[in-house]
C-alpha cells in the first residue's frame, strides 16, 4: 500500500510539470499579444487602415487578434455597446488563458496532504508491525522505515512548492495580459470612433 502513495505523488509531479510547461508555452507574451498586431493598433489612424489591421490580425491568430476581429465586425454598433460586447468576449478569452491554472492550484493543495497521508500510513504500518524483540534488536530497520515514511512528506512538498510558484506567476501574467489586451482594444475603439465622429462633424459643417 505504501507504494501507492509514492506512485500517486510521482503521477502528480508529472501532471504538474506537464501543466507548467504547457502554460509556459501558451502564455508567452508574443503568442497572446503578437507585436505585429499591437503595432497595427498603434498605427491605426483612419477607416482606411481597417483592412490592414484585419489582415494582420488574421495572419497572427491570438487572443488579441480574435478580440480585434470581433470588435471590427461590430463597428456599426454604438461605441458603448461595442465596448460592452468586447468585454463579454474578453472574459471568454481570459477563461482560455486561465485554463490549466486550476489544476496547479489543486496540486498545491493535495500534494502536501497526499505526502502527509503516505507518511502517517507508513508510520502506522511500521509501528503496528513492531514487536518488543524487534524494537530492541532491529533499530536500523526501524530508522529506515521512518526515513521511507518521511520521504512521502518531502516529495509532497517538493511538488507543492514549484506548483505554487508556477500558479502565482501564471495568474499574475494572465492578469497583465488581460490589462494589455483591454488597453489595445480600447485604443482601437477610441481611434475608430473618434475618426467617425470627426467625419460626421465635418459632413454636418459642410452641409450648413
C-alpha atoms as a PDB file:
ATOM      1  CA  UNK A   1       0.000   0.000   0.000  1.00  0.00           C
ATOM      2  CA  UNK A   2       2.904   2.381   0.704  1.00  0.00           C
ATOM      3  CA  UNK A   3       3.965   2.195  -2.939  1.00  0.00           C
ATOM      4  CA  UNK A   4       0.530   3.534  -3.876  1.00  0.00           C
ATOM      5  CA  UNK A   5       1.228   6.880  -2.212  1.00  0.00           C
ATOM      6  CA  UNK A   6       4.644   7.165  -3.831  1.00  0.00           C
ATOM      7  CA  UNK A   7       3.222   6.377  -7.253  1.00  0.00           C
ATOM      8  CA  UNK A   8       0.389   8.859  -6.697  1.00  0.00           C
ATOM      9  CA  UNK A   9       2.936  11.555  -5.889  1.00  0.00           C
ATOM     10  CA  UNK A  10       5.019  10.629  -8.937  1.00  0.00           C
ATOM     11  CA  UNK A  11       1.951  10.895 -11.185  1.00  0.00           C
ATOM     12  CA  UNK A  12       1.078  14.234  -9.538  1.00  0.00           C
ATOM     13  CA  UNK A  13       4.574  15.532 -10.232  1.00  0.00           C
ATOM     14  CA  UNK A  14       4.306  14.501 -13.895  1.00  0.00           C
ATOM     15  CA  UNK A  15       0.968  16.320 -14.210  1.00  0.00           C
ATOM     16  CA  UNK A  16       2.473  19.382 -12.541  1.00  0.00           C
ATOM     17  CA  UNK A  17       5.447  19.503 -14.925  1.00  0.00           C
ATOM     18  CA  UNK A  18       3.174  18.971 -17.931  1.00  0.00           C
ATOM     19  CA  UNK A  19       0.896  21.878 -16.995  1.00  0.00           C
ATOM     20  CA  UNK A  20       3.808  24.153 -16.079  1.00  0.00           C
ATOM     21  CA  UNK A  21       5.363  23.587 -19.496  1.00  0.00           C
ATOM     22  CA  UNK A  22       2.036  23.829 -21.363  1.00  0.00           C
ATOM     23  CA  UNK A  23       1.034  27.080 -19.664  1.00  0.00           C
ATOM     24  CA  UNK A  24       4.523  28.470 -20.141  1.00  0.00           C
ATOM     25  CA  UNK A  25       4.232  27.929 -23.890  1.00  0.00           C
ATOM     26  CA  UNK A  26       0.601  29.081 -24.128  1.00  0.00           C
ATOM     27  CA  UNK A  27       1.122  32.270 -22.121  1.00  0.00           C
ATOM     28  CA  UNK A  28       4.119  33.595 -23.992  1.00  0.00           C
ATOM     29  CA  UNK A  29       3.598  37.330 -24.423  1.00  0.00           C
ATOM     30  CA  UNK A  30       4.290  37.299 -28.169  1.00  0.00           C
ATOM     31  CA  UNK A  31       1.819  34.451 -28.633  1.00  0.00           C
ATOM     32  CA  UNK A  32      -1.061  36.168 -26.811  1.00  0.00           C
ATOM     33  CA  UNK A  33      -0.236  39.710 -27.965  1.00  0.00           C
ATOM     34  CA  UNK A  34       1.728  39.490 -31.235  1.00  0.00           C
ATOM     35  CA  UNK A  35       3.922  42.577 -31.730  1.00  0.00           C
ATOM     36  CA  UNK A  36       2.661  42.967 -35.311  1.00  0.00           C
ATOM     37  CA  UNK A  37      -0.949  43.192 -34.130  1.00  0.00           C
ATOM     38  CA  UNK A  38      -0.109  45.640 -31.357  1.00  0.00           C
ATOM     39  CA  UNK A  39       1.860  47.723 -33.853  1.00  0.00           C
ATOM     40  CA  UNK A  40      -1.115  47.753 -36.253  1.00  0.00           C
ATOM     41  CA  UNK A  41      -3.360  49.081 -33.480  1.00  0.00           C
ATOM     42  CA  UNK A  42      -0.860  51.768 -32.525  1.00  0.00           C
ATOM     43  CA  UNK A  43      -0.653  52.915 -36.151  1.00  0.00           C
ATOM     44  CA  UNK A  44      -4.398  52.833 -36.786  1.00  0.00           C
ATOM     45  CA  UNK A  45      -5.499  56.296 -37.864  1.00  0.00           C
ATOM     46  CA  UNK A  46      -8.491  56.145 -40.215  1.00  0.00           C
ATOM     47  CA  UNK A  47     -11.034  53.704 -41.618  1.00  0.00           C
ATOM     48  CA  UNK A  48      -8.626  53.095 -44.490  1.00  0.00           C
ATOM     49  CA  UNK A  49      -6.366  51.266 -42.031  1.00  0.00           C
ATOM     50  CA  UNK A  50      -9.078  48.799 -41.055  1.00  0.00           C
ATOM     51  CA  UNK A  51      -8.384  46.243 -43.848  1.00  0.00           C
ATOM     52  CA  UNK A  52      -4.701  46.245 -42.960  1.00  0.00           C
ATOM     53  CA  UNK A  53      -5.484  45.773 -39.267  1.00  0.00           C
ATOM     54  CA  UNK A  54      -7.805  42.874 -40.035  1.00  0.00           C
ATOM     55  CA  UNK A  55      -5.226  41.327 -42.344  1.00  0.00           C
ATOM     56  CA  UNK A  56      -2.521  41.466 -39.678  1.00  0.00           C
ATOM     57  CA  UNK A  57      -4.888  40.055 -37.062  1.00  0.00           C
ATOM     58  CA  UNK A  58      -5.902  37.172 -39.320  1.00  0.00           C
ATOM     59  CA  UNK A  59      -2.265  36.442 -40.109  1.00  0.00           C
ATOM     60  CA  UNK A  60      -1.367  36.245 -36.399  1.00  0.00           C
ATOM     61  CA  UNK A  61      -4.064  34.195 -34.609  1.00  0.00           C
ATOM     62  CA  UNK A  62      -4.126  35.059 -30.924  1.00  0.00           C
ATOM     63  CA  UNK A  63      -6.399  36.215 -28.124  1.00  0.00           C
ATOM     64  CA  UNK A  64      -5.814  39.861 -29.024  1.00  0.00           C
ATOM     65  CA  UNK A  65      -6.407  39.179 -32.729  1.00  0.00           C
ATOM     66  CA  UNK A  66      -9.724  37.481 -32.018  1.00  0.00           C
ATOM     67  CA  UNK A  67     -10.874  40.400 -29.882  1.00  0.00           C
ATOM     68  CA  UNK A  68      -9.937  42.960 -32.528  1.00  0.00           C
ATOM     69  CA  UNK A  69     -11.609  40.991 -35.302  1.00  0.00           C
ATOM     70  CA  UNK A  70     -14.699  40.617 -33.157  1.00  0.00           C
ATOM     71  CA  UNK A  71     -14.730  44.362 -32.483  1.00  0.00           C
ATOM     72  CA  UNK A  72     -14.246  45.195 -36.173  1.00  0.00           C
ATOM     73  CA  UNK A  73     -17.246  43.024 -37.052  1.00  0.00           C
ATOM     74  CA  UNK A  74     -19.486  45.240 -34.914  1.00  0.00           C
ATOM     75  CA  UNK A  75     -18.227  48.711 -35.750  1.00  0.00           C
ATOM     76  CA  UNK A  76     -21.716  49.716 -36.926  1.00  0.00           C
ATOM     77  CA  UNK A  77     -22.820  49.444 -33.302  1.00  0.00           C
ATOM     78  CA  UNK A  78     -22.548  52.452 -30.955  1.00  0.00           C
ATOM     79  CA  UNK A  79     -19.240  52.740 -29.177  1.00  0.00           C
ATOM     80  CA  UNK A  80     -20.541  51.860 -25.687  1.00  0.00           C
ATOM     81  CA  UNK A  81     -22.411  48.807 -26.936  1.00  0.00           C
ATOM     82  CA  UNK A  82     -19.374  47.603 -28.855  1.00  0.00           C
ATOM     83  CA  UNK A  83     -17.207  48.050 -25.761  1.00  0.00           C
ATOM     84  CA  UNK A  84     -19.606  46.026 -23.632  1.00  0.00           C
ATOM     85  CA  UNK A  85     -19.667  43.320 -26.280  1.00  0.00           C
ATOM     86  CA  UNK A  86     -15.876  43.153 -26.327  1.00  0.00           C
ATOM     87  CA  UNK A  87     -15.771  42.950 -22.532  1.00  0.00           C
ATOM     88  CA  UNK A  88     -18.042  39.918 -22.672  1.00  0.00           C
ATOM     89  CA  UNK A  89     -15.887  38.344 -25.359  1.00  0.00           C
ATOM     90  CA  UNK A  90     -12.743  39.188 -23.401  1.00  0.00           C
ATOM     91  CA  UNK A  91     -13.988  37.187 -20.418  1.00  0.00           C
ATOM     92  CA  UNK A  92     -14.168  34.156 -22.693  1.00  0.00           C
ATOM     93  CA  UNK A  93     -10.593  34.739 -23.868  1.00  0.00           C
ATOM     94  CA  UNK A  94      -9.415  35.147 -20.266  1.00  0.00           C
ATOM     95  CA  UNK A  95     -11.020  31.820 -19.410  1.00  0.00           C
ATOM     96  CA  UNK A  96      -8.987  30.187 -22.168  1.00  0.00           C
ATOM     97  CA  UNK A  97      -5.797  31.785 -20.847  1.00  0.00           C
ATOM     98  CA  UNK A  98      -6.567  30.600 -17.308  1.00  0.00           C
ATOM     99  CA  UNK A  99      -7.186  27.041 -18.462  1.00  0.00           C
ATOM    100  CA  UNK A 100      -4.949  24.662 -16.553  1.00  0.00           C
ATOM    101  CA  UNK A 101      -4.199  27.051 -13.695  1.00  0.00           C
ATOM    102  CA  UNK A 102      -6.902  25.428 -11.584  1.00  0.00           C
ATOM    103  CA  UNK A 103      -5.023  22.126 -11.916  1.00  0.00           C
ATOM    104  CA  UNK A 104      -1.884  23.712 -10.500  1.00  0.00           C
ATOM    105  CA  UNK A 105      -3.951  25.225  -7.695  1.00  0.00           C
ATOM    106  CA  UNK A 106      -5.374  21.798  -6.850  1.00  0.00           C
ATOM    107  CA  UNK A 107      -1.907  20.239  -6.876  1.00  0.00           C
ATOM    108  CA  UNK A 108      -0.700  22.915  -4.452  1.00  0.00           C
ATOM    109  CA  UNK A 109      -3.352  21.718  -2.014  1.00  0.00           C
ATOM    110  CA  UNK A 110      -3.316  17.958  -2.463  1.00  0.00           C
ATOM    111  CA  UNK A 111       0.408  17.235  -2.883  1.00  0.00           C
ATOM    112  CA  UNK A 112       1.407  18.017   0.758  1.00  0.00           C
ATOM    113  CA  UNK A 113      -1.728  16.284   2.045  1.00  0.00           C
ATOM    114  CA  UNK A 114      -1.063  13.208  -0.069  1.00  0.00           C
ATOM    115  CA  UNK A 115       2.505  13.122   1.199  1.00  0.00           C
ATOM    116  CA  UNK A 116       1.307  13.505   4.784  1.00  0.00           C
ATOM    117  CA  UNK A 117      -1.213  10.688   4.393  1.00  0.00           C
ATOM    118  CA  UNK A 118       1.553   8.488   2.989  1.00  0.00           C
ATOM    119  CA  UNK A 119       3.782   9.319   5.944  1.00  0.00           C
ATOM    120  CA  UNK A 120       1.090   8.599   8.507  1.00  0.00           C
ATOM    121  CA  UNK A 121       0.157   5.335   6.821  1.00  0.00           C
ATOM    122  CA  UNK A 122       3.810   4.301   6.702  1.00  0.00           C
ATOM    123  CA  UNK A 123       4.320   5.055  10.387  1.00  0.00           C
ATOM    124  CA  UNK A 124       1.146   3.226  11.365  1.00  0.00           C
ATOM    125  CA  UNK A 125       2.282   0.183   9.405  1.00  0.00           C
ATOM    126  CA  UNK A 126       5.777   0.404  10.875  1.00  0.00           C
ATOM    127  CA  UNK A 127       4.671   0.668  14.488  1.00  0.00           C
ATOM    128  CA  UNK A 128       1.926  -1.886  14.015  1.00  0.00           C
ATOM    129  CA  UNK A 129       4.377  -4.480  12.761  1.00  0.00           C
ATOM    130  CA  UNK A 130       6.859  -3.987  15.559  1.00  0.00           C
ATOM    131  CA  UNK A 131       7.369  -6.399  18.427  1.00  0.00           C
ATOM    132  CA  UNK A 132       9.238  -5.845  21.651  1.00  0.00           C
ATOM    133  CA  UNK A 133      12.111  -8.017  20.485  1.00  0.00           C
ATOM    134  CA  UNK A 134      12.275  -6.364  17.126  1.00  0.00           C
ATOM    135  CA  UNK A 135      12.365  -2.893  18.648  1.00  0.00           C
ATOM    136  CA  UNK A 136      15.394  -3.850  20.696  1.00  0.00           C
ATOM    137  CA  UNK A 137      17.401  -5.636  18.012  1.00  0.00           C
ATOM    138  CA  UNK A 138      16.403  -4.073  14.693  1.00  0.00           C
ATOM    139  CA  UNK A 139      16.845  -0.348  15.288  1.00  0.00           C
ATOM    140  CA  UNK A 140      18.332   0.235  11.851  1.00  0.00           C
ATOM    141  CA  UNK A 141      15.272  -1.255  10.172  1.00  0.00           C
ATOM    142  CA  UNK A 142      13.056   0.972  12.288  1.00  0.00           C
ATOM    143  CA  UNK A 143      15.036   4.080  11.318  1.00  0.00           C
ATOM    144  CA  UNK A 144      14.897   3.088   7.666  1.00  0.00           C
ATOM    145  CA  UNK A 145      11.148   2.719   7.898  1.00  0.00           C
ATOM    146  CA  UNK A 146      10.763   6.204   9.385  1.00  0.00           C
ATOM    147  CA  UNK A 147      13.036   7.624   6.680  1.00  0.00           C
ATOM    148  CA  UNK A 148      10.918   5.981   3.991  1.00  0.00           C
ATOM    149  CA  UNK A 149       7.736   7.376   5.533  1.00  0.00           C
ATOM    150  CA  UNK A 150       9.124  10.909   5.755  1.00  0.00           C
ATOM    151  CA  UNK A 151      10.168  10.768   2.109  1.00  0.00           C
ATOM    152  CA  UNK A 152       6.481  10.916   1.216  1.00  0.00           C
ATOM    153  CA  UNK A 153       6.111  14.253   3.004  1.00  0.00           C
ATOM    154  CA  UNK A 154       9.281  15.581   1.412  1.00  0.00           C
ATOM    155  CA  UNK A 155       8.126  14.544  -2.050  1.00  0.00           C
ATOM    156  CA  UNK A 156       4.731  16.166  -1.464  1.00  0.00           C
ATOM    157  CA  UNK A 157       6.370  19.458  -0.502  1.00  0.00           C
ATOM    158  CA  UNK A 158       8.779  19.304  -3.441  1.00  0.00           C
ATOM    159  CA  UNK A 159       5.758  19.028  -5.723  1.00  0.00           C
ATOM    160  CA  UNK A 160       3.647  21.675  -3.977  1.00  0.00           C
ATOM    161  CA  UNK A 161       6.295  24.415  -3.864  1.00  0.00           C
ATOM    162  CA  UNK A 162       7.000  24.703  -7.626  1.00  0.00           C
ATOM    163  CA  UNK A 163       3.258  24.306  -8.271  1.00  0.00           C
ATOM    164  CA  UNK A 164       2.566  27.272  -6.010  1.00  0.00           C
ATOM    165  CA  UNK A 165       5.289  29.338  -7.670  1.00  0.00           C
ATOM    166  CA  UNK A 166       4.013  28.462 -11.141  1.00  0.00           C
ATOM    167  CA  UNK A 167       0.383  29.123 -10.246  1.00  0.00           C
ATOM    168  CA  UNK A 168       1.199  32.522  -8.710  1.00  0.00           C
ATOM    169  CA  UNK A 169       3.409  33.539 -11.633  1.00  0.00           C
ATOM    170  CA  UNK A 170       0.975  32.481 -14.352  1.00  0.00           C
ATOM    171  CA  UNK A 171      -2.011  34.017 -12.563  1.00  0.00           C
ATOM    172  CA  UNK A 172      -0.227  37.365 -12.428  1.00  0.00           C
ATOM    173  CA  UNK A 173       0.855  37.014 -16.054  1.00  0.00           C
ATOM    174  CA  UNK A 174      -2.718  36.341 -17.200  1.00  0.00           C
ATOM    175  CA  UNK A 175      -3.800  39.452 -15.321  1.00  0.00           C
ATOM    176  CA  UNK A 176      -1.121  41.559 -17.030  1.00  0.00           C
ATOM    177  CA  UNK A 177      -2.010  40.124 -20.433  1.00  0.00           C
ATOM    178  CA  UNK A 178      -5.668  40.945 -19.824  1.00  0.00           C
ATOM    179  CA  UNK A 179      -4.846  44.538 -18.922  1.00  0.00           C
ATOM    180  CA  UNK A 180      -2.693  44.978 -22.038  1.00  0.00           C
ATOM    181  CA  UNK A 181      -5.328  43.464 -24.334  1.00  0.00           C
ATOM    182  CA  UNK A 182      -8.024  45.670 -22.814  1.00  0.00           C
ATOM    183  CA  UNK A 183      -5.812  48.715 -23.347  1.00  0.00           C
ATOM    184  CA  UNK A 184      -5.177  47.897 -27.008  1.00  0.00           C
ATOM    185  CA  UNK A 185      -8.839  47.150 -27.725  1.00  0.00           C
ATOM    186  CA  UNK A 186      -9.866  50.403 -26.085  1.00  0.00           C
ATOM    187  CA  UNK A 187      -7.265  52.257 -28.125  1.00  0.00           C
ATOM    188  CA  UNK A 188      -8.634  50.742 -31.322  1.00  0.00           C
ATOM    189  CA  UNK A 189     -12.216  51.702 -30.462  1.00  0.00           C
ATOM    190  CA  UNK A 190     -11.212  55.187 -29.405  1.00  0.00           C
ATOM    191  CA  UNK A 191      -9.323  55.859 -32.628  1.00  0.00           C
ATOM    192  CA  UNK A 192     -12.007  54.382 -34.867  1.00  0.00           C
ATOM    193  CA  UNK A 193     -14.988  56.136 -33.304  1.00  0.00           C
ATOM    194  CA  UNK A 194     -13.080  59.391 -32.964  1.00  0.00           C
ATOM    195  CA  UNK A 195     -12.468  59.241 -36.719  1.00  0.00           C
ATOM    196  CA  UNK A 196     -16.139  58.546 -37.338  1.00  0.00           C
ATOM    197  CA  UNK A 197     -17.169  61.445 -35.121  1.00  0.00           C
ATOM    198  CA  UNK A 198     -14.752  63.759 -36.941  1.00  0.00           C
ATOM    199  CA  UNK A 199     -16.097  62.728 -40.342  1.00  0.00           C
ATOM    200  CA  UNK A 200     -19.682  63.228 -39.171  1.00  0.00           C
ATOM    201  CA  UNK A 201     -18.875  66.636 -37.740  1.00  0.00           C
ATOM    202  CA  UNK A 202     -17.175  67.737 -40.983  1.00  0.00           C
ATOM    203  CA  UNK A 203     -20.127  66.487 -43.038  1.00  0.00           C
ATOM    204  CA  UNK A 204     -22.575  68.416 -40.886  1.00  0.00           C
ATOM    205  CA  UNK A 205     -20.448  71.550 -41.091  1.00  0.00           C
ATOM    206  CA  UNK A 206     -20.206  71.263 -44.876  1.00  0.00           C
ATOM    207  CA  UNK A 207     -23.959  70.891 -45.201  1.00  0.00           C
ATOM    208  CA  UNK A 208     -24.702  74.149 -43.458  1.00  0.00           C
END
